[in-house]
Each structure stands twice: as C-alpha cells, then as structure tokens.
Protein backbone atom coordinates (compact mmCIF):
# COMPACT_ATOMS: atom_id res chain seq x y z
CA MET A 1 0.14 0.07 0.08
CA ARG A 2 2.96 2.41 0.78
CA HIS A 3 4.52 1.90 -2.62
CA THR A 4 1.11 2.69 -4.31
CA TYR A 5 -0.19 5.57 -2.07
CA GLN A 6 3.73 7.10 -2.63
CA THR A 7 2.95 6.82 -6.24
CA ASN A 8 -0.73 7.53 -7.05
CA VAL A 9 -1.35 9.80 -4.16
CA PHE A 10 1.94 11.56 -2.95
CA GLY A 11 3.54 11.58 -6.12
CA VAL A 12 0.84 13.31 -7.90
CA PHE A 13 0.54 16.08 -5.24
CA ALA A 14 4.18 16.74 -5.44
CA VAL A 15 4.51 17.12 -9.28
CA THR A 16 1.36 19.12 -9.11
CA LYS A 17 2.85 21.41 -6.31
CA THR A 18 6.13 22.11 -8.08
CA LEU A 19 4.59 22.48 -11.48
CA LEU A 20 2.01 24.78 -10.41
CA PRO A 21 3.51 28.13 -10.58
CA LEU A 22 4.48 27.34 -14.02
CA LEU A 23 1.16 26.05 -15.07
CA LYS A 24 -0.43 29.53 -13.99
CA LYS A 25 1.77 31.46 -16.06
CA LEU A 26 0.46 29.83 -19.34
CA LYS A 27 -3.00 30.49 -20.65
CA ALA A 28 -4.05 26.89 -20.90
CA GLY A 29 -1.62 25.23 -18.88
CA ARG A 30 -3.38 21.98 -17.66
CA ILE A 31 -2.80 19.04 -15.50
CA VAL A 32 -4.31 15.69 -16.86
CA ASN A 33 -4.48 12.77 -14.73
CA LEU A 34 -5.22 9.45 -16.26
CA SER A 35 -6.14 6.30 -14.52
CA SER A 36 -5.90 2.29 -15.25
CA SER A 37 -9.13 0.24 -14.97
CA LEU A 38 -8.21 -0.42 -11.16
CA GLY A 39 -9.44 3.28 -10.52
CA SER A 40 -12.52 2.99 -12.17
CA LEU A 41 -15.85 3.25 -9.97
CA THR A 42 -17.85 0.88 -12.17
CA VAL A 43 -15.08 -1.87 -11.69
CA ASN A 44 -14.76 -1.36 -8.22
CA SER A 45 -18.52 -1.24 -7.16
CA ASP A 46 -19.04 -4.78 -8.84
CA PRO A 47 -19.13 -7.36 -5.77
CA ASN A 48 -17.80 -9.95 -8.37
CA SER A 49 -15.12 -8.00 -9.70
CA ASP A 50 -11.53 -9.34 -8.88
CA ALA A 51 -10.23 -6.12 -8.60
CA ASN A 52 -12.18 -5.97 -5.25
CA SER A 53 -10.29 -8.64 -3.73
CA LYS A 54 -6.48 -8.16 -5.56
CA TYR A 55 -5.75 -4.79 -5.08
CA LEU A 56 -5.91 -3.61 -1.68
CA ALA A 57 -4.08 -0.02 -1.94
CA TYR A 58 -6.39 1.22 -4.87
CA ASN A 59 -9.29 0.05 -2.88
CA SER A 60 -8.45 1.08 0.32
CA ILE A 61 -11.23 4.11 0.30
CA ARG A 62 -13.87 1.74 0.22
CA LEU A 63 -12.66 0.24 2.97
CA GLY A 64 -13.56 2.90 5.46
C-alpha cells in the first residue's frame, strides 16, 4: 500500500505542487491525470469483480 500511495497520491501531489507556478503563467496550462481500470468506480463497485480482492491499495478508500 505504501508504494502505491507514494506513487498515485503523494507523487501526483508533489509534481502538481512543483509545476503549479509554471502552469499559472500559461494561458492554457493543464494537468491531466489518467487512471487504469483499477481506478474505475464501475469495476470497483461490482461485488463480482476480481479488483475488489486483489488490489487493496486501490480499494482502501472503500474500506472505511
């Protein structure tokens, strides 16, 4: 879970924080985040999906 969070949460935050001053200077500065099917709300809400049991870090928000 730590590796996944460092990459997918804290990594995104660090890159965004670093690049934000440069993006604010541009007329059309954008940040685009892409996700795999593991980030799909449809897949993760399906109780029959394999994603529900195999990828705890991706589903950790749903555990609370």
